[in-house]
Amino acid sequence: MHAAQMSNKLTNKLTVHIAEHIIRNNQAIKPQEQTKRIKQVMKKTNKTKHFYTLNNSAGQPVNIDLNNYRVECVKTGQRKQFYHKYLFNMISRKYQGNIDLFRTTYVSRAAAPDKNQRRAQQLEARISRLYVQISNLKGELADAQLNRESFPLATQ
């Protein structure tokens, strides 16, 4: 026999022996899974950082990486991730740039009232503002009528 043939036989026997050993110990790993695991180990992620300056509840500036930031909804408990620019603009606009206020009061769209409920709430708020305005105008009218009746000769 040639040396190459002997090494092939030896390699085949060794491979079979190792495979039997793995199967005996219930550690059989499919070749596809084995390559996936290797890829996961070898894969390196370099997540970019996007730091933004926001205020905390004490009014102190805080630098936060909003690119990898996840926030938890207060009502549903689900964690959400946003695009960093959208998140910064939302915190600046709706939460006065206060990251602590955002963390404690954020409600996701899934937990927020639907369009009809929001519209009904807006209309109720508008009606209550108009009632207040009407009562103020009635008070002004009463004052005006009292002043006119009190001094009828003063206007002549």
N, C-alpha and C. Protein backbone atom coordinates (compact mmCIF):
# COMPACT_ATOMS: atom_id res chain seq x y z
N MET A 1 0.83 -1.18 0.00
CA MET A 1 0.00 0.00 0.00
C MET A 1 0.87 1.23 0.00
N HIS A 2 0.34 2.21 -0.60
CA HIS A 2 1.06 3.48 -0.63
C HIS A 2 0.80 4.24 0.67
N ALA A 3 1.63 5.18 0.94
CA ALA A 3 1.51 5.97 2.16
C ALA A 3 0.24 6.83 2.13
N ALA A 4 -0.12 7.32 0.96
CA ALA A 4 -1.30 8.17 0.83
C ALA A 4 -2.57 7.37 1.13
N GLN A 5 -2.61 6.11 0.62
CA GLN A 5 -3.78 5.28 0.86
C GLN A 5 -3.90 4.94 2.34
N MET A 6 -2.75 4.67 2.99
CA MET A 6 -2.78 4.34 4.41
C MET A 6 -3.25 5.53 5.24
N SER A 7 -2.81 6.73 4.88
CA SER A 7 -3.24 7.91 5.64
C SER A 7 -4.73 8.18 5.44
N ASN A 8 -5.25 7.90 4.23
CA ASN A 8 -6.69 8.07 3.98
C ASN A 8 -7.50 7.09 4.82
N LYS A 9 -7.07 5.83 4.90
CA LYS A 9 -7.76 4.84 5.70
C LYS A 9 -7.74 5.23 7.18
N LEU A 10 -6.57 5.68 7.63
CA LEU A 10 -6.42 6.08 9.02
C LEU A 10 -7.31 7.29 9.33
N THR A 11 -7.36 8.23 8.42
CA THR A 11 -8.19 9.41 8.61
C THR A 11 -9.67 9.03 8.64
N ASN A 12 -10.10 8.14 7.76
CA ASN A 12 -11.49 7.69 7.73
C ASN A 12 -11.86 6.97 9.02
N LYS A 13 -10.95 6.08 9.51
CA LYS A 13 -11.23 5.37 10.76
C LYS A 13 -11.31 6.35 11.92
N LEU A 14 -10.42 7.33 11.94
CA LEU A 14 -10.41 8.32 13.01
C LEU A 14 -11.69 9.17 12.97
N THR A 15 -12.13 9.54 11.80
CA THR A 15 -13.35 10.33 11.65
C THR A 15 -14.56 9.53 12.13
N VAL A 16 -14.65 8.27 11.77
CA VAL A 16 -15.74 7.41 12.19
C VAL A 16 -15.71 7.25 13.70
N HIS A 17 -14.52 7.06 14.27
CA HIS A 17 -14.38 6.89 15.72
C HIS A 17 -14.85 8.16 16.46
N ILE A 18 -14.48 9.32 15.98
CA ILE A 18 -14.89 10.58 16.61
C ILE A 18 -16.39 10.76 16.49
N ALA A 19 -16.97 10.45 15.34
CA ALA A 19 -18.41 10.59 15.13
C ALA A 19 -19.17 9.66 16.07
N GLU A 20 -18.68 8.40 16.23
CA GLU A 20 -19.33 7.47 17.15
C GLU A 20 -19.26 7.98 18.58
N HIS A 21 -18.14 8.54 18.95
CA HIS A 21 -17.96 9.08 20.30
C HIS A 21 -18.93 10.23 20.56
N ILE A 22 -19.10 11.10 19.59
CA ILE A 22 -20.01 12.24 19.75
C ILE A 22 -21.44 11.75 19.86
N ILE A 23 -21.83 10.79 19.04
CA ILE A 23 -23.18 10.26 19.08
C ILE A 23 -23.45 9.57 20.41
N ARG A 24 -22.46 8.82 20.92
CA ARG A 24 -22.62 8.15 22.19
C ARG A 24 -22.85 9.13 23.33
N ASN A 25 -22.23 10.26 23.28
CA ASN A 25 -22.35 11.24 24.35
C ASN A 25 -23.49 12.25 24.12
N ASN A 26 -24.39 11.93 23.17
CA ASN A 26 -25.54 12.79 22.85
C ASN A 26 -25.10 14.20 22.49
N GLN A 27 -24.02 14.33 21.83
CA GLN A 27 -23.54 15.63 21.41
C GLN A 27 -23.52 15.73 19.90
N ALA A 28 -24.43 15.02 19.27
CA ALA A 28 -24.47 15.05 17.81
C ALA A 28 -24.90 16.43 17.34
N ILE A 29 -24.06 17.04 16.55
CA ILE A 29 -24.32 18.36 16.01
C ILE A 29 -24.38 18.24 14.51
N LYS A 30 -25.44 18.73 13.95
CA LYS A 30 -25.57 18.70 12.49
C LYS A 30 -24.54 19.64 11.89
N PRO A 31 -24.01 19.30 10.72
CA PRO A 31 -23.01 20.17 10.10
C PRO A 31 -23.52 21.59 9.87
N GLN A 32 -24.81 21.74 9.54
CA GLN A 32 -25.36 23.08 9.32
C GLN A 32 -25.33 23.89 10.61
N GLU A 33 -25.74 23.26 11.73
CA GLU A 33 -25.73 23.96 13.01
C GLU A 33 -24.31 24.32 13.42
N GLN A 34 -23.39 23.41 13.13
CA GLN A 34 -22.00 23.65 13.49
C GLN A 34 -21.46 24.88 12.75
N THR A 35 -21.78 25.02 11.48
CA THR A 35 -21.30 26.18 10.75
C THR A 35 -21.98 27.45 11.23
N LYS A 36 -23.27 27.37 11.60
CA LYS A 36 -23.96 28.54 12.13
C LYS A 36 -23.29 29.03 13.41
N ARG A 37 -22.96 28.09 14.28
CA ARG A 37 -22.31 28.45 15.53
C ARG A 37 -20.96 29.10 15.27
N ILE A 38 -20.24 28.58 14.34
CA ILE A 38 -18.93 29.15 14.03
C ILE A 38 -19.10 30.56 13.48
N LYS A 39 -20.09 30.74 12.61
CA LYS A 39 -20.32 32.06 12.06
C LYS A 39 -20.71 33.05 13.14
N GLN A 40 -21.54 32.60 14.09
CA GLN A 40 -21.95 33.50 15.17
C GLN A 40 -20.77 33.89 16.03
N VAL A 41 -19.88 32.98 16.28
CA VAL A 41 -18.73 33.28 17.11
C VAL A 41 -17.77 34.21 16.38
N MET A 42 -17.59 33.97 15.09
CA MET A 42 -16.62 34.75 14.34
C MET A 42 -17.16 36.11 13.92
N LYS A 43 -18.48 36.26 13.92
CA LYS A 43 -19.07 37.52 13.48
C LYS A 43 -18.80 38.60 14.51
N LYS A 44 -18.23 39.70 14.08
CA LYS A 44 -17.97 40.82 14.98
C LYS A 44 -18.87 41.97 14.56
N THR A 45 -19.54 42.57 15.53
CA THR A 45 -20.41 43.69 15.22
C THR A 45 -19.78 44.96 15.74
N ASN A 46 -19.72 45.92 14.89
CA ASN A 46 -19.25 47.24 15.28
C ASN A 46 -20.43 48.20 15.14
N LYS A 47 -21.22 48.28 16.20
CA LYS A 47 -22.38 49.17 16.16
C LYS A 47 -21.89 50.60 16.31
N THR A 48 -22.37 51.43 15.43
CA THR A 48 -21.97 52.83 15.50
C THR A 48 -22.68 53.51 16.66
N LYS A 49 -22.06 54.52 17.17
CA LYS A 49 -22.61 55.27 18.30
C LYS A 49 -23.08 56.63 17.81
N HIS A 50 -24.24 57.05 18.27
CA HIS A 50 -24.77 58.37 17.97
C HIS A 50 -25.19 58.99 19.29
N PHE A 51 -24.30 59.80 19.85
CA PHE A 51 -24.56 60.43 21.14
C PHE A 51 -25.31 61.74 20.95
N TYR A 52 -26.34 61.93 21.77
CA TYR A 52 -27.12 63.16 21.77
C TYR A 52 -27.13 63.70 23.20
N THR A 53 -27.22 65.00 23.32
CA THR A 53 -27.27 65.63 24.63
C THR A 53 -28.72 65.98 24.95
N LEU A 54 -29.22 65.38 26.02
CA LEU A 54 -30.57 65.64 26.52
C LEU A 54 -30.47 66.01 27.99
N ASN A 55 -31.56 66.49 28.55
CA ASN A 55 -31.56 66.86 29.97
C ASN A 55 -32.18 65.74 30.79
N ASN A 56 -31.69 65.59 32.04
CA ASN A 56 -32.33 64.65 32.95
C ASN A 56 -33.37 65.38 33.79
N SER A 57 -33.96 64.73 34.77
CA SER A 57 -35.02 65.36 35.56
C SER A 57 -34.50 66.52 36.40
N ALA A 58 -33.20 66.54 36.71
CA ALA A 58 -32.61 67.64 37.47
C ALA A 58 -32.22 68.81 36.58
N GLY A 59 -32.39 68.66 35.27
CA GLY A 59 -32.03 69.72 34.34
C GLY A 59 -30.58 69.68 33.90
N GLN A 60 -29.85 68.64 34.29
CA GLN A 60 -28.44 68.50 33.92
C GLN A 60 -28.33 67.84 32.54
N PRO A 61 -27.39 68.29 31.71
CA PRO A 61 -27.22 67.66 30.40
C PRO A 61 -26.62 66.25 30.53
N VAL A 62 -27.14 65.33 29.73
CA VAL A 62 -26.70 63.94 29.75
C VAL A 62 -26.43 63.52 28.31
N ASN A 63 -25.29 62.86 28.05
CA ASN A 63 -24.99 62.32 26.73
C ASN A 63 -25.48 60.88 26.66
N ILE A 64 -26.32 60.59 25.66
CA ILE A 64 -26.91 59.26 25.53
C ILE A 64 -26.76 58.79 24.09
N ASP A 65 -26.39 57.50 23.95
CA ASP A 65 -26.32 56.88 22.63
C ASP A 65 -27.72 56.45 22.24
N LEU A 66 -28.36 57.20 21.36
CA LEU A 66 -29.74 56.89 20.96
C LEU A 66 -29.80 55.89 19.82
N ASN A 67 -28.66 55.54 19.22
CA ASN A 67 -28.67 54.59 18.12
C ASN A 67 -29.05 53.20 18.59
N ASN A 68 -28.58 52.80 19.75
CA ASN A 68 -28.86 51.47 20.27
C ASN A 68 -29.79 51.53 21.47
N TYR A 69 -30.55 52.60 21.61
CA TYR A 69 -31.38 52.82 22.79
C TYR A 69 -32.72 52.12 22.64
N ARG A 70 -33.13 51.42 23.68
CA ARG A 70 -34.44 50.76 23.70
C ARG A 70 -35.22 51.32 24.87
N VAL A 71 -36.48 51.62 24.63
CA VAL A 71 -37.34 52.16 25.67
C VAL A 71 -38.50 51.21 25.90
N GLU A 72 -38.99 51.16 27.13
CA GLU A 72 -40.08 50.26 27.49
C GLU A 72 -41.38 51.05 27.62
N CYS A 73 -42.42 50.57 26.97
CA CYS A 73 -43.73 51.20 27.05
C CYS A 73 -44.28 51.04 28.46
N VAL A 74 -44.83 52.12 29.01
CA VAL A 74 -45.34 52.10 30.37
C VAL A 74 -46.56 51.20 30.50
N LYS A 75 -47.42 51.18 29.49
CA LYS A 75 -48.67 50.41 29.57
C LYS A 75 -48.50 48.95 29.17
N THR A 76 -47.82 48.68 28.05
CA THR A 76 -47.72 47.31 27.56
C THR A 76 -46.50 46.57 28.08
N GLY A 77 -45.45 47.29 28.44
CA GLY A 77 -44.22 46.66 28.90
C GLY A 77 -43.32 46.20 27.77
N GLN A 78 -43.70 46.46 26.53
CA GLN A 78 -42.89 46.05 25.38
C GLN A 78 -41.72 47.01 25.20
N ARG A 79 -40.58 46.44 24.83
CA ARG A 79 -39.40 47.26 24.55
C ARG A 79 -39.41 47.64 23.08
N LYS A 80 -39.12 48.91 22.80
CA LYS A 80 -39.13 49.41 21.43
C LYS A 80 -37.82 50.09 21.12
N GLN A 81 -37.43 50.03 19.87
CA GLN A 81 -36.22 50.70 19.41
C GLN A 81 -36.60 51.60 18.25
N PHE A 82 -36.02 52.80 18.22
CA PHE A 82 -36.33 53.77 17.19
C PHE A 82 -35.06 54.18 16.45
N TYR A 83 -35.24 54.76 15.28
CA TYR A 83 -34.14 55.39 14.57
C TYR A 83 -33.68 56.58 15.41
N HIS A 84 -32.37 56.77 15.56
CA HIS A 84 -31.84 57.73 16.53
C HIS A 84 -32.31 59.17 16.29
N LYS A 85 -32.42 59.60 15.04
CA LYS A 85 -32.86 60.98 14.77
C LYS A 85 -34.34 61.16 15.12
N TYR A 86 -35.15 60.16 14.77
CA TYR A 86 -36.56 60.22 15.10
C TYR A 86 -36.76 60.27 16.61
N LEU A 87 -36.00 59.44 17.33
CA LEU A 87 -36.11 59.39 18.78
C LEU A 87 -35.71 60.71 19.41
N PHE A 88 -34.61 61.30 18.93
CA PHE A 88 -34.16 62.58 19.48
C PHE A 88 -35.21 63.67 19.24
N ASN A 89 -35.76 63.73 18.03
CA ASN A 89 -36.78 64.73 17.73
C ASN A 89 -38.05 64.52 18.56
N MET A 90 -38.45 63.26 18.77
CA MET A 90 -39.63 62.97 19.56
C MET A 90 -39.42 63.40 21.02
N ILE A 91 -38.26 63.09 21.59
CA ILE A 91 -37.98 63.48 22.98
C ILE A 91 -37.92 64.99 23.09
N SER A 92 -37.32 65.65 22.14
CA SER A 92 -37.21 67.10 22.18
C SER A 92 -38.58 67.76 22.05
N ARG A 93 -39.43 67.24 21.17
CA ARG A 93 -40.72 67.85 20.89
C ARG A 93 -41.77 67.53 21.94
N LYS A 94 -41.94 66.26 22.26
CA LYS A 94 -43.04 65.86 23.13
C LYS A 94 -42.68 65.86 24.62
N TYR A 95 -41.40 65.68 24.93
CA TYR A 95 -41.00 65.54 26.33
C TYR A 95 -40.04 66.65 26.78
N GLN A 96 -40.03 67.76 26.08
CA GLN A 96 -39.23 68.94 26.40
C GLN A 96 -37.74 68.61 26.54
N GLY A 97 -37.26 67.62 25.82
CA GLY A 97 -35.85 67.24 25.86
C GLY A 97 -35.45 66.56 27.15
N ASN A 98 -36.40 66.07 27.92
CA ASN A 98 -36.13 65.44 29.21
C ASN A 98 -36.17 63.92 29.07
N ILE A 99 -35.00 63.28 29.16
CA ILE A 99 -34.91 61.83 28.95
C ILE A 99 -35.59 61.06 30.09
N ASP A 100 -35.52 61.57 31.31
CA ASP A 100 -36.16 60.88 32.44
C ASP A 100 -37.69 60.92 32.32
N LEU A 101 -38.22 62.05 31.90
CA LEU A 101 -39.66 62.17 31.66
C LEU A 101 -40.08 61.19 30.56
N PHE A 102 -39.28 61.08 29.52
CA PHE A 102 -39.56 60.15 28.43
C PHE A 102 -39.58 58.71 28.93
N ARG A 103 -38.60 58.34 29.73
CA ARG A 103 -38.52 56.96 30.24
C ARG A 103 -39.72 56.61 31.11
N THR A 104 -40.19 57.56 31.90
CA THR A 104 -41.27 57.25 32.85
C THR A 104 -42.67 57.39 32.27
N THR A 105 -42.83 58.10 31.16
CA THR A 105 -44.18 58.34 30.64
C THR A 105 -44.41 57.87 29.21
N TYR A 106 -43.44 57.20 28.58
CA TYR A 106 -43.59 56.81 27.18
C TYR A 106 -44.69 55.75 27.04
N VAL A 107 -45.61 55.99 26.12
CA VAL A 107 -46.66 55.04 25.78
C VAL A 107 -46.59 54.79 24.27
N SER A 108 -46.47 53.53 23.89
CA SER A 108 -46.34 53.20 22.47
C SER A 108 -47.66 53.41 21.74
N ARG A 109 -47.61 53.41 20.44
CA ARG A 109 -48.82 53.59 19.63
C ARG A 109 -49.80 52.44 19.83
N ALA A 110 -49.25 51.26 20.09
CA ALA A 110 -50.12 50.08 20.28
C ALA A 110 -50.99 50.26 21.52
N ALA A 111 -50.46 50.92 22.56
CA ALA A 111 -51.22 51.10 23.80
C ALA A 111 -52.01 52.40 23.81
N ALA A 112 -51.69 53.29 22.90
CA ALA A 112 -52.37 54.59 22.85
C ALA A 112 -53.79 54.40 22.31
N PRO A 113 -54.68 55.33 22.63
CA PRO A 113 -56.05 55.22 22.11
C PRO A 113 -56.06 55.34 20.58
N ASP A 114 -57.06 54.72 19.95
CA ASP A 114 -57.13 54.79 18.49
C ASP A 114 -57.61 56.17 18.04
N LYS A 115 -57.71 56.36 16.74
CA LYS A 115 -58.01 57.66 16.17
C LYS A 115 -59.34 58.22 16.66
N ASN A 116 -60.37 57.39 16.71
CA ASN A 116 -61.69 57.86 17.14
C ASN A 116 -61.69 58.27 18.62
N GLN A 117 -61.01 57.50 19.44
CA GLN A 117 -60.93 57.85 20.86
C GLN A 117 -60.17 59.15 21.06
N ARG A 118 -59.07 59.33 20.33
CA ARG A 118 -58.31 60.59 20.42
C ARG A 118 -59.16 61.77 20.00
N ARG A 119 -59.92 61.60 18.91
CA ARG A 119 -60.78 62.67 18.42
C ARG A 119 -61.85 63.01 19.46
N ALA A 120 -62.43 61.98 20.08
CA ALA A 120 -63.45 62.21 21.12
C ALA A 120 -62.84 62.96 22.31
N GLN A 121 -61.63 62.60 22.71
CA GLN A 121 -60.97 63.29 23.82
C GLN A 121 -60.69 64.75 23.46
N GLN A 122 -60.27 64.99 22.22
CA GLN A 122 -60.01 66.36 21.78
C GLN A 122 -61.29 67.18 21.80
N LEU A 123 -62.38 66.59 21.33
CA LEU A 123 -63.66 67.30 21.31
C LEU A 123 -64.16 67.59 22.73
N GLU A 124 -64.01 66.62 23.64
CA GLU A 124 -64.41 66.85 25.04
C GLU A 124 -63.60 67.98 25.66
N ALA A 125 -62.29 68.01 25.39
CA ALA A 125 -61.45 69.08 25.92
C ALA A 125 -61.86 70.43 25.34
N ARG A 126 -62.18 70.45 24.05
CA ARG A 126 -62.59 71.70 23.40
C ARG A 126 -63.93 72.19 23.97
N ILE A 127 -64.85 71.26 24.19
CA ILE A 127 -66.16 71.63 24.76
C ILE A 127 -65.98 72.21 26.16
N SER A 128 -65.14 71.58 26.97
CA SER A 128 -64.94 72.10 28.33
C SER A 128 -64.28 73.48 28.30
N ARG A 129 -63.35 73.71 27.38
CA ARG A 129 -62.75 75.05 27.23
C ARG A 129 -63.80 76.08 26.82
N LEU A 130 -64.69 75.68 25.91
CA LEU A 130 -65.74 76.60 25.46
C LEU A 130 -66.75 76.90 26.58
N TYR A 131 -67.06 75.89 27.41
CA TYR A 131 -67.94 76.14 28.56
C TYR A 131 -67.32 77.15 29.51
N VAL A 132 -66.02 77.02 29.74
CA VAL A 132 -65.33 77.98 30.61
C VAL A 132 -65.38 79.37 29.99
N GLN A 133 -65.17 79.44 28.69
CA GLN A 133 -65.21 80.73 27.99
C GLN A 133 -66.62 81.34 28.06
N ILE A 134 -67.64 80.51 27.89
CA ILE A 134 -69.03 81.00 27.97
C ILE A 134 -69.32 81.52 29.37
N SER A 135 -68.90 80.79 30.40
CA SER A 135 -69.16 81.25 31.77
C SER A 135 -68.43 82.56 32.05
N ASN A 136 -67.21 82.71 31.53
CA ASN A 136 -66.49 83.99 31.68
C ASN A 136 -67.23 85.12 30.97
N LEU A 137 -67.74 84.86 29.78
CA LEU A 137 -68.49 85.89 29.04
C LEU A 137 -69.79 86.26 29.75
N LYS A 138 -70.45 85.26 30.34
CA LYS A 138 -71.68 85.55 31.10
C LYS A 138 -71.36 86.44 32.30
N GLY A 139 -70.24 86.18 32.95
CA GLY A 139 -69.82 87.02 34.07
C GLY A 139 -69.54 88.44 33.64
N GLU A 140 -68.86 88.60 32.51
CA GLU A 140 -68.58 89.94 31.98
C GLU A 140 -69.89 90.65 31.61
N LEU A 141 -70.83 89.90 31.03
CA LEU A 141 -72.12 90.48 30.67
C LEU A 141 -72.87 90.95 31.92
N ALA A 142 -72.85 90.14 32.96
CA ALA A 142 -73.53 90.52 34.20
C ALA A 142 -72.89 91.76 34.80
N ASP A 143 -71.57 91.84 34.77
CA ASP A 143 -70.87 93.03 35.27
C ASP A 143 -71.25 94.26 34.45
N ALA A 144 -71.34 94.09 33.15
CA ALA A 144 -71.68 95.21 32.27
C ALA A 144 -73.11 95.68 32.53
N GLN A 145 -74.04 94.75 32.74
CA GLN A 145 -75.43 95.13 33.02
C GLN A 145 -75.56 95.80 34.39
N LEU A 146 -74.81 95.33 35.37
CA LEU A 146 -74.85 95.95 36.69
C LEU A 146 -74.31 97.37 36.65
N ASN A 147 -73.26 97.57 35.94
CA ASN A 147 -72.68 98.91 35.83
C ASN A 147 -73.63 99.85 35.10
N ARG A 148 -74.35 99.40 34.12
CA ARG A 148 -75.27 100.23 33.36
C ARG A 148 -76.46 100.62 34.23
N GLU A 149 -76.97 99.67 35.02
CA GLU A 149 -78.12 99.95 35.88
C GLU A 149 -77.72 100.80 37.10
N SER A 150 -76.51 100.67 37.55
CA SER A 150 -76.07 101.41 38.74
C SER A 150 -75.97 102.88 38.46
N PHE A 151 -75.49 103.23 37.30
CA PHE A 151 -75.27 104.64 37.00
C PHE A 151 -75.96 105.01 35.68
N PRO A 152 -77.30 105.06 35.66
CA PRO A 152 -77.97 105.36 34.41
C PRO A 152 -77.79 106.83 33.99
N LEU A 153 -77.61 107.71 34.92
CA LEU A 153 -77.46 109.13 34.58
C LEU A 153 -76.04 109.48 34.16
N ALA A 154 -75.10 108.64 34.47
CA ALA A 154 -73.70 108.94 34.16
C ALA A 154 -73.45 108.85 32.66
N THR A 155 -74.19 108.06 31.98
CA THR A 155 -73.97 107.90 30.54
C THR A 155 -74.62 109.02 29.74
N GLN A 156 -75.56 109.80 30.34
CA GLN A 156 -76.28 110.83 29.59
C GLN A 156 -75.48 112.08 29.48
